[in-house]
């Protein structure tokens, strides 16, 4: 996979302990490098592949190139399989495109949802804009109420945001109200009755189209 002037490939760690998918960069002449250790499922042609850095992007000793590495879709790999540190470095190489029409509405929606219920999940985010969107939302919440703000990428194109301050401020009655609402929601789904999306869950396309 080529990202700007960098070429990376998914690898394992040089360890017996099971690990997430890591990324190694193709070595430059002045960098430490080693041929890829052949994997049982790799073809003979892989043995003549270019040398790769001896450490992953996150600084750990590199193991073997993953089998069928060329077929791995990094952008759509489940987050729990990918090393977050390697991915953040790769994202830093990307040049984010300018803001997309309607992005301000998405930021407003997420911030308002978090202020109201303590958390929000926005789906369908254009991948190149995800990191920038995360920073914008985090900055807005920090400036508005402060406190701890947690953000996490969910799958390839969704962002989860949580405010510890809002969650901690909920009364027992509020928690009970939300739990009962969840129970009623499950009952409606089981009974086949129409159910509106929860307040904390939204989709990029719907928000940018309506501006709400």
N, C-alpha and C. Protein backbone atom coordinates (compact mmCIF):
# COMPACT_ATOMS: atom_id res chain seq x y z
N UNK A 1 0.86 -1.19 0.00
CA UNK A 1 0.00 0.00 0.00
C UNK A 1 0.89 1.23 0.00
N UNK A 2 0.62 2.18 -0.90
CA UNK A 2 1.42 3.39 -0.97
C UNK A 2 0.61 4.55 -0.41
N UNK A 3 1.23 5.30 0.50
CA UNK A 3 0.61 6.48 1.10
C UNK A 3 1.57 7.64 0.88
N UNK A 4 1.20 8.57 0.03
CA UNK A 4 2.07 9.66 -0.42
C UNK A 4 3.39 9.05 -0.90
N UNK A 5 4.53 9.39 -0.27
CA UNK A 5 5.82 8.86 -0.70
C UNK A 5 6.23 7.61 0.07
N UNK A 6 5.36 7.10 0.92
CA UNK A 6 5.67 5.95 1.76
C UNK A 6 5.00 4.68 1.22
N UNK A 7 5.68 3.57 1.37
CA UNK A 7 5.10 2.28 1.02
C UNK A 7 5.12 1.39 2.26
N UNK A 8 3.96 0.87 2.63
CA UNK A 8 3.86 0.06 3.84
C UNK A 8 3.21 -1.28 3.51
N UNK A 9 3.42 -2.23 4.40
CA UNK A 9 2.85 -3.56 4.23
C UNK A 9 2.47 -4.11 5.60
N UNK A 10 1.37 -4.86 5.70
CA UNK A 10 0.96 -5.41 7.01
C UNK A 10 1.87 -6.55 7.43
N UNK A 11 2.27 -6.54 8.70
CA UNK A 11 3.19 -7.55 9.23
C UNK A 11 2.73 -7.99 10.61
N UNK A 12 3.32 -9.09 11.07
CA UNK A 12 3.14 -9.53 12.44
C UNK A 12 4.34 -9.05 13.25
N UNK A 13 4.31 -9.31 14.55
CA UNK A 13 5.46 -8.96 15.39
C UNK A 13 6.41 -10.15 15.48
N UNK A 14 7.66 -9.86 15.77
CA UNK A 14 8.66 -10.90 15.95
C UNK A 14 8.52 -11.46 17.36
N UNK A 15 7.41 -12.14 17.59
CA UNK A 15 7.10 -12.64 18.93
C UNK A 15 6.13 -13.80 18.81
N UNK A 16 6.18 -14.70 19.78
CA UNK A 16 5.24 -15.83 19.77
C UNK A 16 3.86 -15.38 20.23
N UNK A 17 3.78 -14.22 20.90
CA UNK A 17 2.51 -13.76 21.45
C UNK A 17 1.62 -13.21 20.34
N UNK A 18 0.36 -13.64 20.26
CA UNK A 18 -0.53 -13.13 19.21
C UNK A 18 -0.63 -11.61 19.27
N UNK A 19 -0.60 -10.96 18.14
CA UNK A 19 -0.64 -9.50 18.13
C UNK A 19 -1.60 -9.00 17.07
N UNK A 20 -1.81 -7.70 17.10
CA UNK A 20 -2.61 -7.06 16.08
C UNK A 20 -1.80 -6.93 14.79
N UNK A 21 -2.47 -6.50 13.75
CA UNK A 21 -1.79 -6.25 12.49
C UNK A 21 -0.98 -4.96 12.63
N UNK A 22 0.30 -5.03 12.34
CA UNK A 22 1.16 -3.86 12.38
C UNK A 22 1.57 -3.48 10.96
N UNK A 23 2.22 -2.35 10.83
CA UNK A 23 2.65 -1.87 9.52
C UNK A 23 4.16 -1.65 9.51
N UNK A 24 4.80 -2.07 8.43
CA UNK A 24 6.23 -1.83 8.25
C UNK A 24 6.42 -1.06 6.96
N UNK A 25 7.39 -0.17 6.97
CA UNK A 25 7.64 0.68 5.81
C UNK A 25 8.79 0.12 4.98
N UNK A 26 8.71 0.32 3.69
CA UNK A 26 9.81 -0.08 2.81
C UNK A 26 11.05 0.72 3.16
N UNK A 27 12.19 0.03 3.27
CA UNK A 27 13.42 0.67 3.74
C UNK A 27 14.07 1.52 2.67
N UNK A 28 14.66 2.61 3.13
CA UNK A 28 15.50 3.44 2.28
C UNK A 28 16.95 2.94 2.40
N UNK A 29 17.83 3.32 1.48
CA UNK A 29 19.21 2.78 1.50
C UNK A 29 19.94 2.95 2.83
N UNK A 30 19.66 4.02 3.57
CA UNK A 30 20.40 4.28 4.80
C UNK A 30 19.74 3.68 6.04
N UNK A 31 18.64 2.96 5.86
CA UNK A 31 17.89 2.44 7.01
C UNK A 31 18.13 0.95 7.20
N UNK A 32 17.99 0.51 8.48
CA UNK A 32 18.10 -0.92 8.77
C UNK A 32 16.96 -1.66 8.09
N UNK A 33 17.30 -2.76 7.44
CA UNK A 33 16.27 -3.49 6.71
C UNK A 33 16.63 -4.97 6.68
N UNK A 34 15.60 -5.77 6.36
CA UNK A 34 15.79 -7.21 6.24
C UNK A 34 14.74 -7.73 5.28
N UNK A 35 15.07 -8.79 4.53
CA UNK A 35 14.06 -9.40 3.65
C UNK A 35 12.89 -9.91 4.48
N UNK A 36 11.75 -10.02 3.86
CA UNK A 36 10.57 -10.55 4.55
C UNK A 36 10.79 -12.02 4.86
N UNK A 37 10.49 -12.42 6.09
CA UNK A 37 10.58 -13.84 6.43
C UNK A 37 9.48 -14.58 5.70
N UNK A 38 9.80 -15.61 4.91
CA UNK A 38 8.77 -16.30 4.13
C UNK A 38 7.76 -17.00 5.02
N UNK A 39 6.51 -16.83 4.71
CA UNK A 39 5.42 -17.48 5.43
C UNK A 39 4.97 -18.70 4.61
N UNK A 40 4.47 -19.69 5.30
CA UNK A 40 4.10 -20.95 4.64
C UNK A 40 3.10 -20.72 3.51
N UNK A 41 2.26 -19.68 3.64
CA UNK A 41 1.22 -19.48 2.64
C UNK A 41 1.65 -18.50 1.56
N UNK A 42 2.84 -17.93 1.67
CA UNK A 42 3.27 -16.98 0.67
C UNK A 42 3.86 -17.69 -0.55
N UNK A 43 3.78 -17.02 -1.65
CA UNK A 43 4.29 -17.61 -2.88
C UNK A 43 5.80 -17.40 -2.97
N UNK A 44 6.45 -18.14 -3.89
CA UNK A 44 7.89 -18.02 -4.05
C UNK A 44 8.28 -16.62 -4.46
N UNK A 45 7.41 -15.94 -5.21
CA UNK A 45 7.74 -14.60 -5.67
C UNK A 45 7.92 -13.62 -4.52
N UNK A 46 7.28 -13.90 -3.37
CA UNK A 46 7.40 -13.01 -2.23
C UNK A 46 8.83 -12.98 -1.70
N UNK A 47 9.61 -14.04 -1.95
CA UNK A 47 10.97 -14.10 -1.42
C UNK A 47 11.87 -13.05 -2.06
N UNK A 48 11.49 -12.58 -3.25
CA UNK A 48 12.29 -11.57 -3.93
C UNK A 48 11.70 -10.18 -3.74
N UNK A 49 10.77 -10.06 -2.78
CA UNK A 49 10.15 -8.76 -2.51
C UNK A 49 11.18 -7.81 -1.93
N UNK A 50 10.94 -6.50 -2.00
CA UNK A 50 11.92 -5.53 -1.48
C UNK A 50 12.11 -5.68 0.02
N UNK A 51 13.25 -5.20 0.51
CA UNK A 51 13.54 -5.26 1.94
C UNK A 51 12.69 -4.23 2.67
N UNK A 52 12.29 -4.59 3.88
CA UNK A 52 11.44 -3.73 4.68
C UNK A 52 12.14 -3.39 5.99
N UNK A 53 11.71 -2.30 6.61
CA UNK A 53 12.30 -1.90 7.87
C UNK A 53 12.23 -3.04 8.88
N UNK A 54 13.24 -3.13 9.75
CA UNK A 54 13.27 -4.21 10.74
C UNK A 54 12.34 -3.93 11.91
N UNK A 55 11.81 -2.72 12.00
CA UNK A 55 10.85 -2.38 13.04
C UNK A 55 9.56 -1.88 12.40
N UNK A 56 8.46 -2.05 13.12
CA UNK A 56 7.17 -1.57 12.65
C UNK A 56 7.11 -0.05 12.80
N UNK A 57 6.06 0.55 12.28
CA UNK A 57 5.92 2.00 12.42
C UNK A 57 5.87 2.41 13.88
N UNK A 58 5.33 1.53 14.74
CA UNK A 58 5.23 1.86 16.17
C UNK A 58 6.50 1.51 16.93
N UNK A 59 7.53 1.03 16.24
CA UNK A 59 8.82 0.82 16.87
C UNK A 59 9.10 -0.56 17.40
N UNK A 60 8.24 -1.54 17.12
CA UNK A 60 8.45 -2.90 17.61
C UNK A 60 9.20 -3.74 16.57
N UNK A 61 9.95 -4.76 17.01
CA UNK A 61 10.64 -5.64 16.06
C UNK A 61 9.63 -6.30 15.11
N UNK A 62 9.92 -6.22 13.82
CA UNK A 62 9.00 -6.76 12.83
C UNK A 62 9.15 -8.26 12.69
N UNK A 63 8.01 -8.94 12.47
CA UNK A 63 8.01 -10.35 12.16
C UNK A 63 7.79 -10.56 10.68
N UNK A 64 7.00 -11.55 10.34
CA UNK A 64 6.76 -11.88 8.94
C UNK A 64 5.70 -11.00 8.30
N UNK A 65 5.82 -10.84 7.01
CA UNK A 65 4.74 -10.20 6.26
C UNK A 65 3.54 -11.13 6.30
N UNK A 66 2.37 -10.56 6.46
CA UNK A 66 1.18 -11.38 6.58
C UNK A 66 0.91 -12.12 5.27
N UNK A 67 0.37 -13.32 5.36
CA UNK A 67 0.00 -14.03 4.14
C UNK A 67 -1.06 -13.24 3.37
N UNK A 68 -0.99 -13.28 2.06
CA UNK A 68 -1.94 -12.54 1.22
C UNK A 68 -1.94 -11.06 1.56
N UNK A 69 -0.78 -10.50 1.87
CA UNK A 69 -0.70 -9.11 2.30
C UNK A 69 -1.26 -8.15 1.26
N UNK A 70 -1.06 -8.47 -0.01
CA UNK A 70 -1.54 -7.58 -1.07
C UNK A 70 -3.05 -7.48 -1.10
N UNK A 71 -3.73 -8.47 -0.51
CA UNK A 71 -5.19 -8.48 -0.54
C UNK A 71 -5.80 -7.84 0.71
N UNK A 72 -4.97 -7.43 1.65
CA UNK A 72 -5.48 -6.83 2.89
C UNK A 72 -5.92 -5.40 2.60
N UNK A 73 -7.18 -5.09 2.93
CA UNK A 73 -7.72 -3.73 2.75
C UNK A 73 -7.55 -2.99 4.07
N UNK A 74 -6.49 -2.20 4.17
CA UNK A 74 -6.18 -1.54 5.44
C UNK A 74 -7.28 -0.59 5.87
N UNK A 75 -7.89 0.13 4.91
CA UNK A 75 -8.90 1.11 5.26
C UNK A 75 -10.16 0.48 5.82
N UNK A 76 -10.39 -0.79 5.50
CA UNK A 76 -11.60 -1.45 5.98
C UNK A 76 -11.29 -2.59 6.93
N UNK A 77 -10.08 -2.63 7.47
CA UNK A 77 -9.74 -3.65 8.44
C UNK A 77 -10.38 -3.30 9.78
N UNK A 78 -10.99 -4.26 10.47
CA UNK A 78 -11.59 -3.96 11.77
C UNK A 78 -10.57 -3.34 12.71
N UNK A 79 -11.01 -2.30 13.46
CA UNK A 79 -10.09 -1.57 14.32
C UNK A 79 -9.41 -2.46 15.34
N UNK A 80 -10.15 -3.48 15.84
CA UNK A 80 -9.55 -4.33 16.87
C UNK A 80 -8.40 -5.17 16.34
N UNK A 81 -8.23 -5.27 15.01
CA UNK A 81 -7.14 -6.04 14.43
C UNK A 81 -5.91 -5.18 14.15
N UNK A 82 -6.08 -3.88 14.09
CA UNK A 82 -5.01 -2.99 13.66
C UNK A 82 -4.33 -2.31 14.84
N UNK A 83 -3.02 -2.25 14.81
CA UNK A 83 -2.27 -1.51 15.84
C UNK A 83 -2.61 -0.03 15.72
N UNK A 84 -3.16 0.55 16.79
CA UNK A 84 -3.58 1.95 16.75
C UNK A 84 -2.40 2.89 16.55
N UNK A 85 -1.25 2.56 17.13
CA UNK A 85 -0.07 3.43 17.00
C UNK A 85 0.43 3.46 15.56
N UNK A 86 0.48 2.29 14.91
CA UNK A 86 0.89 2.25 13.50
C UNK A 86 -0.08 3.06 12.64
N UNK A 87 -1.38 2.90 12.93
CA UNK A 87 -2.39 3.57 12.12
C UNK A 87 -2.31 5.09 12.27
N UNK A 88 -2.04 5.58 13.49
CA UNK A 88 -1.94 7.03 13.70
C UNK A 88 -0.78 7.61 12.91
N UNK A 89 0.33 6.87 12.84
CA UNK A 89 1.46 7.36 12.06
C UNK A 89 1.10 7.42 10.58
N UNK A 90 0.42 6.38 10.11
CA UNK A 90 0.00 6.38 8.71
C UNK A 90 -0.96 7.54 8.43
N UNK A 91 -1.89 7.79 9.35
CA UNK A 91 -2.84 8.89 9.16
C UNK A 91 -2.12 10.23 9.09
N UNK A 92 -1.00 10.33 9.83
CA UNK A 92 -0.25 11.58 9.81
C UNK A 92 0.36 11.88 8.46
N UNK A 93 0.56 10.85 7.63
CA UNK A 93 1.09 11.06 6.29
C UNK A 93 0.03 11.54 5.31
N UNK A 94 -1.22 11.30 5.66
CA UNK A 94 -2.30 11.67 4.76
C UNK A 94 -2.55 13.17 4.81
N UNK A 95 -2.84 13.74 3.70
CA UNK A 95 -3.23 15.15 3.64
C UNK A 95 -4.75 15.20 3.59
N UNK A 96 -5.32 15.70 4.67
CA UNK A 96 -6.79 15.73 4.73
C UNK A 96 -7.34 16.69 3.69
N UNK A 97 -8.38 16.29 2.97
CA UNK A 97 -9.00 17.21 2.01
C UNK A 97 -9.70 18.34 2.76
N UNK A 98 -10.05 19.40 2.07
CA UNK A 98 -10.75 20.50 2.75
C UNK A 98 -12.08 20.03 3.30
N UNK A 99 -12.63 20.76 4.27
CA UNK A 99 -13.92 20.36 4.86
C UNK A 99 -14.98 20.14 3.79
N UNK A 100 -15.81 19.16 4.02
CA UNK A 100 -16.88 18.81 3.09
C UNK A 100 -18.13 19.61 3.44
N UNK A 101 -18.91 19.95 2.44
CA UNK A 101 -20.17 20.66 2.69
C UNK A 101 -21.00 19.89 3.71
N UNK A 102 -21.44 20.59 4.72
CA UNK A 102 -22.27 19.96 5.75
C UNK A 102 -21.48 19.46 6.95
N UNK A 103 -20.15 19.54 6.89
CA UNK A 103 -19.35 19.03 8.00
C UNK A 103 -19.61 19.81 9.29
N UNK A 104 -19.82 21.12 9.17
CA UNK A 104 -20.11 21.92 10.36
C UNK A 104 -21.38 21.43 11.05
N UNK A 105 -22.35 21.01 10.24
CA UNK A 105 -23.60 20.50 10.81
C UNK A 105 -23.35 19.20 11.57
N UNK A 106 -22.43 18.37 11.06
CA UNK A 106 -22.09 17.13 11.75
C UNK A 106 -21.45 17.42 13.10
N UNK A 107 -20.51 18.38 13.11
CA UNK A 107 -19.86 18.75 14.37
C UNK A 107 -20.90 19.24 15.37
N UNK A 108 -21.81 20.11 14.93
CA UNK A 108 -22.86 20.62 15.82
C UNK A 108 -23.72 19.48 16.36
N UNK A 109 -24.10 18.55 15.46
CA UNK A 109 -24.96 17.44 15.88
C UNK A 109 -24.27 16.60 16.95
N UNK A 110 -23.01 16.25 16.73
CA UNK A 110 -22.30 15.42 17.69
C UNK A 110 -22.16 16.14 19.03
N UNK A 111 -21.75 17.39 18.99
CA UNK A 111 -21.57 18.15 20.23
C UNK A 111 -22.89 18.24 21.00
N UNK A 112 -23.98 18.57 20.30
CA UNK A 112 -25.28 18.68 20.96
C UNK A 112 -25.74 17.34 21.54
N UNK A 113 -25.50 16.26 20.79
CA UNK A 113 -25.91 14.94 21.28
C UNK A 113 -25.11 14.56 22.53
N UNK A 114 -23.82 14.84 22.52
CA UNK A 114 -22.99 14.52 23.69
C UNK A 114 -23.41 15.36 24.89
N UNK A 115 -23.70 16.64 24.67
CA UNK A 115 -24.14 17.49 25.77
C UNK A 115 -25.48 17.03 26.34
N UNK A 116 -26.30 16.43 25.48
CA UNK A 116 -27.63 15.99 25.91
C UNK A 116 -27.62 14.63 26.58
N UNK A 117 -26.93 13.66 25.99
CA UNK A 117 -27.00 12.30 26.52
C UNK A 117 -25.65 11.76 26.99
N UNK A 118 -24.58 12.51 26.76
CA UNK A 118 -23.28 12.08 27.26
C UNK A 118 -22.40 11.36 26.27
N UNK A 119 -22.97 10.93 25.15
CA UNK A 119 -22.19 10.22 24.15
C UNK A 119 -22.87 10.32 22.79
N UNK A 120 -22.11 10.01 21.74
CA UNK A 120 -22.67 10.05 20.39
C UNK A 120 -21.85 9.14 19.48
N UNK A 121 -22.53 8.59 18.49
CA UNK A 121 -21.88 7.77 17.47
C UNK A 121 -22.28 8.32 16.12
N UNK A 122 -21.28 8.77 15.35
CA UNK A 122 -21.55 9.26 14.00
C UNK A 122 -20.98 8.26 13.01
N UNK A 123 -21.81 7.76 12.11
CA UNK A 123 -21.42 6.74 11.15
C UNK A 123 -21.30 7.35 9.75
N UNK A 124 -20.62 6.61 8.86
CA UNK A 124 -20.51 7.04 7.47
C UNK A 124 -19.59 8.22 7.25
N UNK A 125 -18.62 8.42 8.14
CA UNK A 125 -17.69 9.55 8.00
C UNK A 125 -16.71 9.25 6.86
N UNK A 126 -16.50 10.19 5.94
CA UNK A 126 -15.47 9.98 4.91
C UNK A 126 -14.13 9.73 5.59
N UNK A 127 -13.49 8.62 5.28
CA UNK A 127 -12.28 8.21 6.01
C UNK A 127 -11.20 9.29 6.05
N UNK A 128 -10.90 10.00 4.94
CA UNK A 128 -9.85 11.03 5.02
C UNK A 128 -10.16 12.17 5.98
N UNK A 129 -11.45 12.36 6.31
CA UNK A 129 -11.84 13.45 7.20
C UNK A 129 -12.03 12.99 8.64
N UNK A 130 -11.88 11.71 8.93
CA UNK A 130 -12.23 11.19 10.24
C UNK A 130 -11.36 11.77 11.35
N UNK A 131 -10.06 11.78 11.16
CA UNK A 131 -9.16 12.29 12.20
C UNK A 131 -9.37 13.78 12.43
N UNK A 132 -9.53 14.54 11.37
CA UNK A 132 -9.79 15.97 11.51
C UNK A 132 -11.10 16.22 12.23
N UNK A 133 -12.13 15.43 11.88
CA UNK A 133 -13.43 15.57 12.54
C UNK A 133 -13.30 15.26 14.02
N UNK A 134 -12.55 14.22 14.36
CA UNK A 134 -12.36 13.86 15.77
C UNK A 134 -11.74 15.02 16.55
N UNK A 135 -10.73 15.64 15.97
CA UNK A 135 -10.08 16.76 16.65
C UNK A 135 -11.01 17.95 16.80
N UNK A 136 -11.79 18.22 15.76
CA UNK A 136 -12.72 19.35 15.83
C UNK A 136 -13.75 19.15 16.94
N UNK A 137 -14.33 17.96 16.99
CA UNK A 137 -15.36 17.68 17.99
C UNK A 137 -14.77 17.72 19.40
N UNK A 138 -13.62 17.12 19.56
CA UNK A 138 -12.96 17.13 20.87
C UNK A 138 -12.68 18.57 21.31
N UNK A 139 -12.17 19.39 20.39
CA UNK A 139 -11.88 20.78 20.73
C UNK A 139 -13.13 21.55 21.11
N UNK A 140 -14.23 21.32 20.38
CA UNK A 140 -15.49 22.01 20.67
C UNK A 140 -16.01 21.64 22.06
N UNK A 141 -15.96 20.37 22.40
CA UNK A 141 -16.45 19.92 23.70
C UNK A 141 -15.56 20.43 24.83
N UNK A 142 -14.26 20.40 24.62
CA UNK A 142 -13.33 20.92 25.63
C UNK A 142 -13.58 22.40 25.87
N UNK A 143 -13.82 23.15 24.79
CA UNK A 143 -14.05 24.58 24.93
C UNK A 143 -15.41 24.88 25.56
N UNK A 144 -16.38 23.99 25.35
CA UNK A 144 -17.74 24.23 25.84
C UNK A 144 -17.90 23.88 27.31
N UNK A 145 -17.49 22.67 27.70
CA UNK A 145 -17.70 22.24 29.07
C UNK A 145 -16.46 21.71 29.77
N UNK A 146 -15.39 21.48 29.02
CA UNK A 146 -14.17 20.94 29.63
C UNK A 146 -14.36 19.49 30.03
N UNK A 147 -13.60 19.05 31.02
CA UNK A 147 -13.69 17.67 31.48
C UNK A 147 -13.05 16.71 30.50
N UNK A 148 -13.18 15.42 30.80
CA UNK A 148 -12.59 14.39 29.94
C UNK A 148 -13.48 14.13 28.74
N UNK A 149 -12.86 14.03 27.58
CA UNK A 149 -13.57 13.71 26.34
C UNK A 149 -12.88 12.51 25.72
N UNK A 150 -13.62 11.42 25.57
CA UNK A 150 -13.07 10.21 24.97
C UNK A 150 -13.58 10.07 23.55
N UNK A 151 -12.69 9.73 22.64
CA UNK A 151 -13.08 9.49 21.27
C UNK A 151 -12.47 8.17 20.81
N UNK A 152 -13.19 7.48 19.95
CA UNK A 152 -12.69 6.20 19.46
C UNK A 152 -13.25 5.94 18.07
N UNK A 153 -12.38 5.48 17.20
CA UNK A 153 -12.83 5.08 15.87
C UNK A 153 -13.50 3.72 15.97
N UNK A 154 -14.65 3.58 15.33
CA UNK A 154 -15.40 2.33 15.34
C UNK A 154 -15.49 1.84 13.90
N UNK A 155 -14.80 0.73 13.61
CA UNK A 155 -14.79 0.24 12.24
C UNK A 155 -14.07 1.23 11.34
N UNK A 156 -14.31 1.15 10.04
CA UNK A 156 -13.56 1.99 9.10
C UNK A 156 -14.05 3.43 8.99
N UNK A 157 -15.33 3.71 9.37
CA UNK A 157 -15.88 5.03 9.06
C UNK A 157 -16.85 5.55 10.10
N UNK A 158 -16.64 5.23 11.36
CA UNK A 158 -17.53 5.72 12.41
C UNK A 158 -16.69 6.25 13.57
N UNK A 159 -17.25 7.22 14.29
CA UNK A 159 -16.55 7.85 15.41
C UNK A 159 -17.48 7.89 16.61
N UNK A 160 -16.98 7.39 17.74
CA UNK A 160 -17.71 7.42 19.01
C UNK A 160 -17.09 8.47 19.91
N UNK A 161 -17.95 9.29 20.53
CA UNK A 161 -17.49 10.38 21.39
C UNK A 161 -18.24 10.29 22.72
N UNK A 162 -17.51 10.50 23.82
CA UNK A 162 -18.12 10.42 25.15
C UNK A 162 -17.57 11.53 26.04
N UNK A 163 -18.45 12.14 26.82
CA UNK A 163 -18.05 13.15 27.79
C UNK A 163 -18.18 12.58 29.19
N UNK A 164 -17.06 12.47 29.90
CA UNK A 164 -17.11 11.98 31.27
C UNK A 164 -17.87 12.93 32.17
N UNK A 165 -17.76 14.24 31.91
CA UNK A 165 -18.43 15.24 32.74
C UNK A 165 -19.95 15.10 32.66
N UNK A 166 -20.47 14.93 31.44
CA UNK A 166 -21.92 14.79 31.26
C UNK A 166 -22.41 13.47 31.86
N UNK A 167 -21.67 12.40 31.62
CA UNK A 167 -22.08 11.10 32.15
C UNK A 167 -22.08 11.11 33.68
N UNK A 168 -21.06 11.70 34.28
CA UNK A 168 -20.97 11.71 35.74
C UNK A 168 -22.04 12.59 36.38
N UNK A 169 -22.57 13.54 35.61
CA UNK A 169 -23.58 14.45 36.15
C UNK A 169 -24.99 13.87 36.13
N UNK A 170 -25.17 12.72 35.50
CA UNK A 170 -26.50 12.12 35.42
C UNK A 170 -26.96 11.64 36.79
N UNK A 171 -28.21 11.92 37.09
CA UNK A 171 -28.79 11.47 38.35
C UNK A 171 -29.24 10.01 38.22
N UNK A 172 -29.46 9.32 39.35
CA UNK A 172 -29.99 7.95 39.28
C UNK A 172 -31.30 7.88 38.51
N UNK A 173 -32.11 8.92 38.65
CA UNK A 173 -33.39 8.95 37.94
C UNK A 173 -33.17 9.03 36.43
N UNK A 174 -32.16 9.79 36.02
CA UNK A 174 -31.86 9.90 34.59
C UNK A 174 -31.37 8.57 34.05
N UNK A 175 -30.49 7.89 34.79
CA UNK A 175 -30.02 6.58 34.35
C UNK A 175 -31.17 5.60 34.22
N UNK A 176 -32.09 5.63 35.19
CA UNK A 176 -33.24 4.71 35.15
C UNK A 176 -34.13 5.02 33.95
N UNK A 177 -34.32 6.31 33.68
CA UNK A 177 -35.13 6.72 32.54
C UNK A 177 -34.53 6.20 31.24
N UNK A 178 -33.21 6.31 31.09
CA UNK A 178 -32.55 5.86 29.86
C UNK A 178 -32.61 4.34 29.74
N UNK A 179 -32.47 3.64 30.85
CA UNK A 179 -32.55 2.18 30.82
C UNK A 179 -33.94 1.71 30.42
N UNK A 180 -34.97 2.36 30.96
CA UNK A 180 -36.34 2.00 30.60
C UNK A 180 -36.62 2.29 29.12
N UNK A 181 -36.09 3.41 28.64
CA UNK A 181 -36.27 3.75 27.23
C UNK A 181 -35.62 2.68 26.35
N UNK A 182 -34.46 2.18 26.77
CA UNK A 182 -33.79 1.13 26.02
C UNK A 182 -34.59 -0.16 26.00
N UNK A 183 -35.18 -0.50 27.13
CA UNK A 183 -36.00 -1.71 27.22
C UNK A 183 -37.21 -1.59 26.29
N UNK A 184 -37.88 -0.44 26.34
CA UNK A 184 -39.05 -0.24 25.48
C UNK A 184 -38.66 -0.28 24.01
N UNK A 185 -37.48 0.20 23.72
CA UNK A 185 -37.00 0.20 22.34
C UNK A 185 -36.82 -1.23 21.84
N UNK A 186 -36.21 -2.07 22.66
CA UNK A 186 -36.02 -3.47 22.30
C UNK A 186 -37.36 -4.16 22.10
N UNK A 187 -38.31 -3.86 22.97
CA UNK A 187 -39.65 -4.47 22.85
C UNK A 187 -40.32 -4.06 21.54
N UNK A 188 -40.18 -2.79 21.16
CA UNK A 188 -40.77 -2.31 19.91
C UNK A 188 -40.13 -3.00 18.70
N UNK A 189 -38.81 -3.17 18.76
CA UNK A 189 -38.12 -3.84 17.66
C UNK A 189 -38.58 -5.28 17.53
N UNK A 190 -38.69 -5.99 18.65
CA UNK A 190 -39.14 -7.37 18.63
C UNK A 190 -40.57 -7.49 18.11
N UNK A 191 -41.39 -6.48 18.42
CA UNK A 191 -42.80 -6.51 17.99
C UNK A 191 -42.98 -6.02 16.57
N UNK A 192 -41.90 -5.58 15.93
CA UNK A 192 -41.99 -5.12 14.55
C UNK A 192 -42.52 -3.72 14.41
N UNK A 193 -42.56 -2.96 15.51
CA UNK A 193 -43.04 -1.59 15.43
C UNK A 193 -41.91 -0.66 14.97
N UNK A 194 -42.26 0.40 14.23
CA UNK A 194 -41.21 1.32 13.74
C UNK A 194 -40.51 1.99 14.91
N UNK A 195 -39.21 2.12 14.79
CA UNK A 195 -38.40 2.71 15.85
C UNK A 195 -37.48 3.76 15.26
N UNK A 196 -37.50 4.95 15.83
CA UNK A 196 -36.60 6.01 15.38
C UNK A 196 -35.19 5.74 15.90
N UNK A 197 -34.17 6.23 15.20
CA UNK A 197 -32.81 6.05 15.70
C UNK A 197 -32.65 6.70 17.07
N UNK A 198 -31.83 6.14 17.93
CA UNK A 198 -31.62 6.76 19.24
C UNK A 198 -30.99 8.14 19.08
N UNK A 199 -31.18 8.99 20.07
CA UNK A 199 -30.67 10.36 19.99
C UNK A 199 -29.17 10.42 19.78
N UNK A 200 -28.45 9.43 20.30
CA UNK A 200 -26.99 9.46 20.28
C UNK A 200 -26.38 8.88 19.00
N UNK A 201 -27.20 8.41 18.08
CA UNK A 201 -26.67 7.75 16.88
C UNK A 201 -27.12 8.49 15.63
N UNK A 202 -26.15 8.83 14.79
CA UNK A 202 -26.49 9.54 13.56
C UNK A 202 -25.61 9.09 12.41
N UNK A 203 -26.00 9.49 11.20
CA UNK A 203 -25.24 9.12 10.01
C UNK A 203 -24.84 10.38 9.25
N UNK A 204 -23.60 10.40 8.82
CA UNK A 204 -23.05 11.56 8.12
C UNK A 204 -23.95 12.04 7.00
N UNK A 205 -24.37 11.11 6.13
CA UNK A 205 -25.14 11.50 4.95
C UNK A 205 -26.45 12.18 5.34
N UNK A 206 -27.17 11.62 6.31
CA UNK A 206 -28.46 12.17 6.71
C UNK A 206 -28.29 13.57 7.31
N UNK A 207 -27.25 13.74 8.12
CA UNK A 207 -27.06 15.03 8.78
C UNK A 207 -26.63 16.10 7.76
N UNK A 208 -25.71 15.73 6.86
CA UNK A 208 -25.25 16.73 5.88
C UNK A 208 -26.35 17.09 4.89
N UNK A 209 -27.25 16.17 4.63
CA UNK A 209 -28.34 16.46 3.69
C UNK A 209 -29.39 17.37 4.30
N UNK A 210 -29.65 17.17 5.60
CA UNK A 210 -30.70 17.96 6.24
C UNK A 210 -30.14 19.20 6.96
N UNK A 211 -28.83 19.18 7.25
CA UNK A 211 -28.23 20.29 7.97
C UNK A 211 -28.58 20.30 9.44
N UNK A 212 -29.07 19.15 9.95
CA UNK A 212 -29.46 19.08 11.37
C UNK A 212 -28.71 17.95 12.04
